Amino acid sequence: MSNIAISCEGLSKRYRLGQQERYKTLRDVVSSALRQPFKRPQDSGVQSIWALEDVSFEVSQGDVVGIIGRNGAGKSTLLKVLSRITKPTRGHAHINGRIGSLLEVGTGFHPELTGRENIYLNGAILGMRKAEIARKFDEIVAFAEVEKFVDTPVKRYSSGMYVRLAFAVAAHMETEILLVDEVLAVGDVQFQKKCLGKIGSVARDGITVLFVSHSMAAVQSLCGKGMLIDAGKLLVQGECHKVIEAYVNHVAVHEFNDTTDLRVHPGRTKDAEPVFSRIRIMNGDKEPTATLFAGEDLVLEFELNPPRPITSPTLGIGVDNGMGLRVFSVITYYSDFDWSRLDRPAVVRCTIPRIKLLPGRYQLSISVGNVYNQHVDAIYNAASFSIEPSDYFGTGRLPTPDLGVVLADSKWECITESGAELRQESEVLG
């Protein structure tokens, strides 16, 4: 066991639907024990769900493990149990080493305190000693790029500054085990790259890392091993590329529907106001289907039910491949779509002509907000579709997935030194 950083056996966690988890005091424990002999078993009728069920695995010291799965699969619950934030219902987990968590970035920040004061406060909450925080203070501030505002109350920070500072504090803990949960879901592109670089440097220092992300590209670049969790159960573990392949195939079986109800969707972002109620995927003939051929028109139809009027609304669609890489986006703001106000139920249809995607599986992320990029509703992985091989170029040859991400039209010419030969070849090519 000397080289084992984390060992879990039969780990299970049950939540009661509609109830908050209550943490017991010593008084609660004693009084409950005294009442137990006289208590009759009752069926409360309260429904429950197993967020984790009989999960067992071992992680060796220095391993970097990617944990992947669909929304609601139990990934975050696993990290919360390992962090001792929540107690397992059954089973146990042995942690060998000091553990640090990047779970909910910014938890513990006080809006009235300055950046400097929050660094010390948040560091203490995360388990850092005062001397450790002082030693790393300048490094934390430099990483967050808030040098000019370190003595300003964080309530005056932009959301980007707030997130950068929160991540910087957590990322500079001196730990032997680091748990990271979807930190790349926040911040701009440059900040996300910075996060990845920091996590990568931590991994190279020999620290054990458990990394939860929906970005398969990030998982593949950082992690040597992986685990696939679905419905609270550990389905696959092993080499990272094999686990990712299993996940992509698993998504294909479960998530390819031409019509998806979005009124209650696990991918909806926190604090979003539900505007999207349904999405339908169709081909160019307006036939509902989640399987298209390269070169076909992709038609997406949205049903919108705004809870309040949205002035100058903007609707965006992002298409990601199976590795979580953004392939392309389409946004009403950049089109000639005249949409001044959304104040009643509406159906919006977007047609992407002659879709130039290589065969594979793709996910749609959608958002609606105003022209100032303030999202009212946003759903990650709202729906999925697949592209099948087709004779896109009209040559009788089918493009294969290993050619890249998108199909590109091209024109080829052969130019020689002889003018006669050039004319002859031009005629042939023409």
Protein backbone atom coordinates (compact mmCIF):
# COMPACT_ATOMS: atom_id res chain seq x y z
CA MET A 1 0.00 0.00 0.00
CA SER A 2 3.05 2.33 0.25
CA ASN A 3 2.72 3.50 -3.37
CA ILE A 4 -1.09 3.76 -3.35
CA ALA A 5 -2.35 7.33 -3.06
CA ILE A 6 -6.11 6.59 -3.15
CA SER A 7 -7.91 3.34 -2.47
CA CYS A 8 -11.70 3.06 -2.66
CA GLU A 9 -13.72 -0.03 -1.86
CA GLY A 10 -17.48 -0.32 -2.37
CA LEU A 11 -17.91 3.46 -2.28
CA SER A 12 -21.61 4.40 -2.43
CA LYS A 13 -23.51 7.62 -1.84
CA ARG A 14 -27.29 7.97 -1.64
CA TYR A 15 -29.19 11.24 -1.71
CA ARG A 16 -32.82 11.71 -0.73
CA LEU A 17 -34.65 13.65 -3.41
CA GLY A 18 -35.97 17.00 -2.28
CA GLN A 19 -33.97 17.02 0.96
CA GLN A 20 -30.73 18.73 1.87
CA GLU A 21 -27.99 16.70 3.47
CA ARG A 22 -27.88 17.50 7.21
CA TYR A 23 -24.61 17.22 9.06
CA LYS A 24 -24.94 15.87 12.58
CA THR A 25 -23.50 17.42 15.71
CA LEU A 26 -22.28 15.37 18.69
CA ARG A 27 -25.59 16.12 20.41
CA ASP A 28 -27.51 14.68 17.41
CA VAL A 29 -25.45 11.49 17.49
CA VAL A 30 -25.94 10.92 21.23
CA SER A 31 -29.67 11.64 21.21
CA SER A 32 -30.17 9.44 18.15
CA ALA A 33 -28.35 6.55 19.84
CA LEU A 34 -30.54 6.87 22.97
CA ARG A 35 -33.75 6.85 20.92
CA GLN A 36 -32.72 4.01 18.62
CA PRO A 37 -33.90 1.04 20.83
CA PHE A 38 -37.41 2.55 21.05
CA LYS A 39 -37.68 3.65 17.44
CA ARG A 40 -39.95 1.70 15.13
CA PRO A 41 -38.85 1.27 11.54
CA GLN A 42 -40.93 3.45 9.22
CA ASP A 43 -41.16 3.84 5.51
CA SER A 44 -40.93 7.58 5.01
CA GLY A 45 -41.86 7.30 1.35
CA VAL A 46 -39.05 9.70 0.44
CA GLN A 47 -37.47 8.83 -2.91
CA SER A 48 -33.72 8.47 -3.10
CA ILE A 49 -31.05 8.19 -5.77
CA TRP A 50 -27.64 6.54 -5.71
CA ALA A 51 -25.16 9.10 -6.97
CA LEU A 52 -22.41 6.50 -6.47
CA GLU A 53 -22.90 2.75 -6.21
CA ASP A 54 -20.25 0.21 -5.27
CA VAL A 55 -17.28 2.07 -6.77
CA SER A 56 -13.89 0.45 -6.18
CA PHE A 57 -10.50 1.47 -7.58
CA GLU A 58 -6.91 2.28 -6.69
CA VAL A 59 -4.74 5.20 -7.83
CA SER A 60 -0.97 4.96 -7.51
CA GLN A 61 1.15 7.89 -6.38
CA GLY A 62 2.04 10.19 -9.27
CA ASP A 63 -0.78 8.96 -11.52
CA VAL A 64 -2.82 11.52 -13.46
CA VAL A 65 -6.29 10.07 -13.90
CA GLY A 66 -9.05 11.58 -16.04
CA ILE A 67 -12.60 10.95 -14.82
CA ILE A 68 -15.18 11.28 -17.59
CA GLY A 69 -18.88 10.66 -18.03
CA ARG A 70 -22.14 12.36 -18.84
CA ASN A 71 -23.69 15.11 -16.71
CA GLY A 72 -25.13 13.64 -13.52
CA ALA A 73 -23.02 10.49 -13.77
CA GLY A 74 -21.52 10.91 -10.28
CA LYS A 75 -18.10 12.37 -11.08
CA SER A 76 -18.39 15.43 -8.83
CA THR A 77 -19.92 13.36 -6.04
CA LEU A 78 -16.91 11.06 -6.12
CA LEU A 79 -14.52 14.00 -5.70
CA LYS A 80 -16.63 15.44 -2.88
CA VAL A 81 -16.49 12.12 -1.04
CA LEU A 82 -12.72 11.88 -1.54
CA SER A 83 -12.36 15.49 -0.32
CA ARG A 84 -14.33 14.65 2.85
CA ILE A 85 -16.91 17.27 1.91
CA THR A 86 -19.64 14.65 2.01
CA LYS A 87 -19.77 11.32 3.80
CA PRO A 88 -20.31 8.07 1.87
CA THR A 89 -23.43 6.04 2.61
CA ARG A 90 -21.47 2.81 2.28
CA GLY A 91 -17.91 1.76 1.64
CA HIS A 92 -14.74 3.64 2.45
CA ALA A 93 -11.87 5.54 0.85
CA HIS A 94 -8.27 5.58 2.09
CA ILE A 95 -6.26 8.71 1.25
CA ASN A 96 -2.49 8.52 1.63
CA GLY A 97 -1.19 12.11 1.56
CA ARG A 98 -2.29 15.72 1.91
CA ILE A 99 -5.20 16.40 -0.38
CA GLY A 100 -6.18 19.62 -2.16
CA SER A 101 -9.38 20.27 -4.07
CA LEU A 102 -10.31 22.50 -6.98
CA LEU A 103 -14.02 21.76 -6.88
CA GLU A 104 -16.20 24.86 -6.67
CA VAL A 105 -13.77 27.64 -7.51
CA GLY A 106 -14.30 30.71 -5.32
CA THR A 107 -16.14 29.04 -2.45
CA GLY A 108 -15.38 31.03 0.68
CA PHE A 109 -14.69 34.39 -0.98
CA HIS A 110 -16.25 37.35 0.84
CA PRO A 111 -17.36 40.18 -1.47
CA GLU A 112 -16.62 42.95 1.06
CA LEU A 113 -13.02 41.85 1.62
CA THR A 114 -10.14 42.86 -0.64
CA GLY A 115 -8.32 40.48 -2.93
CA ARG A 116 -5.44 40.36 -0.44
CA GLU A 117 -7.73 39.50 2.48
CA ASN A 118 -9.60 36.90 0.44
CA ILE A 119 -6.35 35.18 -0.53
CA TYR A 120 -5.59 34.58 3.14
CA LEU A 121 -9.21 33.71 3.99
CA ASN A 122 -9.72 31.32 1.09
CA GLY A 123 -6.29 29.77 1.56
CA ALA A 124 -7.12 29.04 5.21
CA ILE A 125 -10.45 27.48 4.22
CA LEU A 126 -8.60 25.23 1.75
CA GLY A 127 -6.21 24.12 4.49
CA MET A 128 -3.16 26.29 3.75
CA ARG A 129 -1.07 27.63 6.62
CA LYS A 130 -0.56 31.37 6.96
CA ALA A 131 3.19 31.06 6.35
CA GLU A 132 2.51 29.01 3.20
CA ILE A 133 0.10 31.64 1.88
CA ALA A 134 2.55 34.47 2.62
CA ARG A 135 5.35 32.64 0.85
CA LYS A 136 3.24 32.13 -2.28
CA PHE A 137 1.32 35.42 -2.13
CA ASP A 138 3.20 37.20 -4.93
CA GLU A 139 3.04 34.11 -7.14
CA ILE A 140 -0.72 33.82 -6.61
CA VAL A 141 -1.32 37.49 -7.44
CA ALA A 142 0.88 37.31 -10.53
CA PHE A 143 -0.88 34.18 -11.79
CA ALA A 144 -4.29 35.82 -11.32
CA GLU A 145 -3.09 39.03 -13.01
CA VAL A 146 -4.75 41.26 -10.38
CA GLU A 147 -1.68 43.15 -9.11
CA LYS A 148 -3.34 46.56 -9.52
CA PHE A 149 -6.52 45.48 -7.75
CA VAL A 150 -5.24 43.28 -4.92
CA ASP A 151 -6.36 45.84 -2.31
CA THR A 152 -9.76 46.40 -3.92
CA PRO A 153 -12.89 44.62 -2.56
CA VAL A 154 -13.63 41.63 -4.78
CA LYS A 155 -17.26 42.76 -5.17
CA ARG A 156 -15.85 45.27 -7.65
CA TYR A 157 -13.99 42.59 -9.63
CA SER A 158 -15.20 41.42 -12.99
CA SER A 159 -16.29 37.79 -13.14
CA GLY A 160 -13.06 36.92 -14.95
CA MET A 161 -10.86 38.54 -12.30
CA TYR A 162 -12.82 36.82 -9.55
CA VAL A 163 -12.42 33.39 -11.12
CA ARG A 164 -8.73 33.91 -11.88
CA LEU A 165 -7.96 34.84 -8.29
CA ALA A 166 -9.99 31.96 -6.87
CA PHE A 167 -8.25 29.44 -9.13
CA ALA A 168 -4.82 30.91 -8.38
CA VAL A 169 -5.28 30.43 -4.63
CA ALA A 170 -6.43 26.84 -4.96
CA ALA A 171 -3.84 25.92 -7.59
CA HIS A 172 -0.91 27.00 -5.41
CA MET A 173 -1.63 24.69 -2.50
CA GLU A 174 1.21 22.40 -1.44
CA THR A 175 -0.46 19.03 -1.80
CA GLU A 176 0.38 15.44 -2.59
CA ILE A 177 -3.02 14.72 -4.14
CA LEU A 178 -5.00 17.19 -6.24
CA LEU A 179 -8.68 16.78 -7.15
CA VAL A 180 -9.83 18.99 -10.05
CA ASP A 181 -13.48 19.31 -11.09
CA GLU A 182 -14.31 21.04 -14.39
CA VAL A 183 -12.23 24.16 -13.80
CA LEU A 184 -12.09 24.68 -17.57
CA ALA A 185 -15.81 25.42 -17.66
CA VAL A 186 -15.16 29.00 -16.54
CA GLY A 187 -13.05 31.89 -17.78
CA ASP A 188 -11.88 32.91 -21.22
CA VAL A 189 -9.79 30.85 -23.62
CA GLN A 190 -6.46 32.26 -22.43
CA PHE A 191 -7.34 31.57 -18.81
CA GLN A 192 -8.37 28.01 -19.65
CA LYS A 193 -4.99 27.44 -21.31
CA LYS A 194 -3.31 28.84 -18.22
CA CYS A 195 -5.30 26.47 -16.01
CA LEU A 196 -4.29 23.50 -18.13
CA GLY A 197 -0.67 24.56 -18.03
CA LYS A 198 -0.72 24.85 -14.24
CA ILE A 199 -2.38 21.47 -13.80
CA GLY A 200 0.14 19.97 -16.22
CA SER A 201 3.08 21.39 -14.26
CA VAL A 202 1.62 20.03 -11.03
CA ALA A 203 1.32 16.60 -12.63
CA ARG A 204 4.94 16.72 -13.84
CA ASP A 205 6.04 17.40 -10.25
CA GLY A 206 4.85 13.91 -9.31
CA ILE A 207 1.62 14.95 -7.59
CA THR A 208 -1.31 12.56 -7.93
CA VAL A 209 -4.14 14.21 -9.90
CA LEU A 210 -7.79 13.23 -10.40
CA PHE A 211 -9.10 15.40 -13.22
CA VAL A 212 -12.82 15.68 -14.07
CA SER A 213 -13.62 17.34 -17.40
CA HIS A 214 -15.98 17.19 -20.35
CA SER A 215 -13.12 18.13 -22.65
CA MET A 216 -11.77 14.87 -24.00
CA ALA A 217 -8.86 16.75 -25.59
CA ALA A 218 -7.82 18.13 -22.18
CA VAL A 219 -8.17 14.72 -20.55
CA GLN A 220 -6.12 13.04 -23.27
CA SER A 221 -3.35 15.67 -23.12
CA LEU A 222 -3.00 15.59 -19.32
CA CYS A 223 -3.89 12.07 -18.24
CA GLY A 224 -2.25 8.71 -18.69
CA LYS A 225 -5.12 6.76 -17.15
CA GLY A 226 -8.86 7.20 -17.08
CA MET A 227 -12.14 6.15 -15.51
CA LEU A 228 -15.61 6.20 -17.07
CA ILE A 229 -18.50 6.69 -14.66
CA ASP A 230 -22.17 6.44 -15.61
CA ALA A 231 -25.26 6.40 -13.37
CA GLY A 232 -23.02 6.23 -10.31
CA LYS A 233 -21.13 3.13 -11.44
CA LEU A 234 -17.57 2.71 -12.60
CA LEU A 235 -17.90 1.20 -16.09
CA VAL A 236 -14.35 1.28 -17.46
CA GLN A 237 -10.89 2.07 -16.11
CA GLY A 238 -7.46 1.78 -17.68
CA GLU A 239 -5.42 3.55 -20.32
CA CYS A 240 -6.81 6.98 -21.07
CA HIS A 241 -7.31 6.58 -24.83
CA LYS A 242 -9.24 3.33 -24.34
CA VAL A 243 -11.50 4.91 -21.72
CA ILE A 244 -12.21 7.88 -24.02
CA GLU A 245 -13.07 5.49 -26.86
CA ALA A 246 -15.46 3.63 -24.55
CA TYR A 247 -17.07 6.93 -23.53
CA VAL A 248 -17.61 8.07 -27.13
CA ASN A 249 -19.22 4.73 -27.98
CA HIS A 250 -21.32 4.89 -24.82
CA VAL A 251 -22.61 8.36 -25.72
CA ALA A 252 -23.54 7.10 -29.19
CA VAL A 253 -25.79 4.42 -27.71
CA HIS A 254 -27.55 6.64 -25.18
CA GLU A 255 -27.76 10.17 -26.53
CA PHE A 256 -28.59 10.14 -30.25
CA ASN A 257 -32.19 11.37 -30.43
CA ASP A 258 -33.58 13.64 -33.12
CA THR A 259 -35.76 15.46 -30.55
CA THR A 260 -34.67 16.40 -27.03
CA ASP A 261 -36.80 17.87 -24.25
CA LEU A 262 -34.79 20.73 -22.73
CA ARG A 263 -37.19 21.89 -20.02
CA VAL A 264 -35.22 19.90 -17.45
CA HIS A 265 -31.72 19.15 -18.70
CA PRO A 266 -28.63 18.18 -16.64
CA GLY A 267 -26.38 20.26 -18.87
CA ARG A 268 -28.12 23.57 -18.07
CA THR A 269 -25.72 26.00 -16.42
CA LYS A 270 -26.15 27.12 -12.85
CA ASP A 271 -28.53 30.07 -12.29
CA ALA A 272 -29.82 29.88 -15.88
CA GLU A 273 -33.42 30.88 -16.58
CA PRO A 274 -34.96 28.12 -18.75
CA VAL A 275 -35.71 29.53 -22.18
CA PHE A 276 -35.04 26.48 -24.35
CA SER A 277 -37.84 23.92 -24.13
CA ARG A 278 -36.99 21.62 -27.07
CA ILE A 279 -34.46 21.05 -29.83
CA ARG A 280 -35.05 19.02 -32.98
CA ILE A 281 -32.34 17.86 -35.40
CA MET A 282 -33.36 17.48 -39.05
CA ASN A 283 -31.83 16.99 -42.48
CA GLY A 284 -32.30 19.27 -45.47
CA ASP A 285 -35.70 17.68 -46.23
CA LYS A 286 -36.91 18.69 -42.72
CA GLU A 287 -37.01 15.03 -41.71
CA PRO A 288 -36.17 14.52 -38.00
CA THR A 289 -32.96 12.50 -37.72
CA ALA A 290 -29.82 12.46 -35.57
CA THR A 291 -27.82 10.71 -38.30
CA LEU A 292 -26.73 12.76 -41.29
CA PHE A 293 -24.31 12.37 -44.19
CA ALA A 294 -21.42 14.70 -44.91
CA GLY A 295 -22.58 17.31 -47.43
CA GLU A 296 -26.20 17.28 -46.24
CA ASP A 297 -27.88 20.33 -44.77
CA LEU A 298 -28.06 20.30 -40.96
CA VAL A 299 -31.28 21.89 -39.71
CA LEU A 300 -31.75 22.72 -36.02
CA GLU A 301 -35.14 23.78 -34.70
CA PHE A 302 -35.53 25.35 -31.25
CA GLU A 303 -38.65 25.96 -29.20
CA LEU A 304 -38.19 28.98 -26.92
CA ASN A 305 -40.36 30.03 -23.99
CA PRO A 306 -38.78 33.13 -22.41
CA PRO A 307 -39.69 33.71 -18.73
CA ARG A 308 -39.17 37.44 -19.31
CA PRO A 309 -38.59 39.68 -22.34
CA ILE A 310 -35.06 39.62 -23.78
CA THR A 311 -34.00 42.73 -25.69
CA SER A 312 -31.63 42.29 -28.65
CA PRO A 313 -31.50 38.50 -28.17
CA THR A 314 -28.61 36.47 -29.49
CA LEU A 315 -28.76 32.70 -29.99
CA GLY A 316 -25.56 30.69 -30.31
CA ILE A 317 -24.81 27.11 -31.29
CA GLY A 318 -21.48 25.41 -30.66
CA VAL A 319 -20.59 22.09 -32.28
CA ASP A 320 -17.99 19.93 -30.49
CA ASN A 321 -16.45 16.69 -31.68
CA GLY A 322 -16.17 13.53 -29.62
CA MET A 323 -12.96 14.81 -27.99
CA GLY A 324 -14.71 17.93 -26.70
CA LEU A 325 -12.99 20.25 -29.20
CA ARG A 326 -15.06 23.11 -30.57
CA VAL A 327 -15.33 22.52 -34.32
CA PHE A 328 -17.35 25.61 -35.20
CA SER A 329 -20.01 27.96 -33.87
CA VAL A 330 -22.90 29.83 -35.47
CA ILE A 331 -24.40 32.90 -33.80
CA THR A 332 -27.35 35.07 -34.83
CA TYR A 333 -25.33 38.20 -33.98
CA TYR A 334 -23.01 37.57 -36.95
CA SER A 335 -25.80 36.78 -39.40
CA ASP A 336 -28.41 38.97 -41.07
CA PHE A 337 -31.11 37.58 -38.75
CA ASP A 338 -33.22 40.53 -37.58
CA TRP A 339 -34.29 39.75 -34.03
CA SER A 340 -34.96 42.80 -31.89
CA ARG A 341 -36.92 41.26 -29.02
CA LEU A 342 -37.88 37.86 -27.62
CA ASP A 343 -40.95 38.28 -25.42
CA ARG A 344 -43.22 35.36 -26.30
CA PRO A 345 -42.99 31.65 -27.22
CA ALA A 346 -41.21 31.22 -30.52
CA VAL A 347 -39.71 28.61 -32.83
CA VAL A 348 -36.31 29.42 -34.32
CA ARG A 349 -34.84 27.34 -37.13
CA CYS A 350 -31.18 27.39 -38.15
CA THR A 351 -29.93 25.76 -41.35
CA ILE A 352 -26.25 24.97 -41.79
CA PRO A 353 -25.89 24.16 -45.50
CA ARG A 354 -23.74 21.33 -46.85
CA ILE A 355 -22.23 20.44 -43.48
CA LYS A 356 -18.50 19.80 -43.86
CA LEU A 357 -17.84 17.40 -41.00
CA LEU A 358 -15.89 14.17 -41.18
CA PRO A 359 -17.62 10.98 -40.02
CA GLY A 360 -17.99 10.88 -36.26
CA ARG A 361 -20.10 11.91 -33.28
CA TYR A 362 -20.80 15.52 -32.38
CA GLN A 363 -22.42 17.40 -29.49
CA LEU A 364 -24.42 20.63 -29.57
CA SER A 365 -24.08 23.30 -26.87
CA ILE A 366 -26.55 26.18 -27.06
CA SER A 367 -27.11 29.55 -25.43
CA VAL A 368 -29.45 32.50 -25.64
CA GLY A 369 -28.90 35.93 -24.15
CA ASN A 370 -28.56 39.55 -25.14
CA VAL A 371 -26.15 41.25 -27.49
CA TYR A 372 -23.85 42.07 -24.55
CA ASN A 373 -23.01 38.36 -24.17
CA GLN A 374 -25.03 38.03 -20.98
CA HIS A 375 -26.51 34.53 -21.09
CA VAL A 376 -30.07 33.99 -19.92
CA ASP A 377 -30.07 30.26 -20.71
CA ALA A 378 -27.18 27.99 -21.69
CA ILE A 379 -27.06 24.20 -22.01
CA TYR A 380 -23.89 22.17 -22.44
CA ASN A 381 -24.25 19.01 -24.57
CA ALA A 382 -27.90 19.76 -25.22
CA ALA A 383 -28.11 17.15 -27.99
CA SER A 384 -25.92 14.89 -30.11
CA PHE A 385 -25.80 13.73 -33.70
CA SER A 386 -23.58 11.63 -35.92
CA ILE A 387 -22.14 12.13 -39.39
CA GLU A 388 -21.85 9.08 -41.61
CA PRO A 389 -19.40 8.71 -44.53
CA SER A 390 -20.56 9.92 -47.94
CA ASP A 391 -19.13 10.68 -51.35
CA TYR A 392 -18.73 14.34 -50.41
CA PHE A 393 -16.25 15.17 -53.22
CA GLY A 394 -18.09 13.17 -55.90
CA THR A 395 -15.04 11.04 -56.65
CA GLY A 396 -16.44 7.71 -55.47
CA ARG A 397 -14.05 7.76 -52.47
CA LEU A 398 -15.33 8.07 -48.91
CA PRO A 399 -13.43 10.36 -46.48
CA THR A 400 -12.33 8.68 -43.25
CA PRO A 401 -12.39 10.13 -39.69
CA ASP A 402 -8.59 10.19 -39.41
CA LEU A 403 -8.31 13.06 -41.94
CA GLY A 404 -8.90 15.68 -39.25
CA VAL A 405 -12.06 17.46 -38.14
CA VAL A 406 -13.69 19.14 -41.15
CA LEU A 407 -13.90 18.52 -44.88
CA ALA A 408 -12.28 21.13 -47.09
CA ASP A 409 -12.85 21.73 -50.78
CA SER A 410 -9.65 22.19 -52.78
CA LYS A 411 -8.43 23.01 -56.28
CA TRP A 412 -5.23 21.43 -57.60
CA GLU A 413 -3.00 22.59 -60.45
CA CYS A 414 0.28 21.30 -61.85
CA ILE A 415 2.61 23.96 -63.29
CA THR A 416 5.64 22.91 -65.38
CA GLU A 417 8.46 24.83 -67.05
CA SER A 418 7.16 24.22 -70.59
CA GLY A 419 4.34 26.48 -71.69
CA ALA A 420 3.00 23.80 -74.06
CA GLU A 421 2.89 21.25 -71.30
CA LEU A 422 1.20 23.78 -69.03
CA ARG A 423 -1.57 24.36 -71.60
CA GLN A 424 -2.00 20.64 -72.13
CA GLU A 425 -2.20 19.91 -68.40
CA SER A 426 -4.52 22.86 -67.87
CA GLU A 427 -6.89 21.35 -70.43
CA VAL A 428 -6.78 18.00 -68.67
CA LEU A 429 -7.33 19.55 -65.24
CA GLY A 430 -10.07 21.80 -66.48
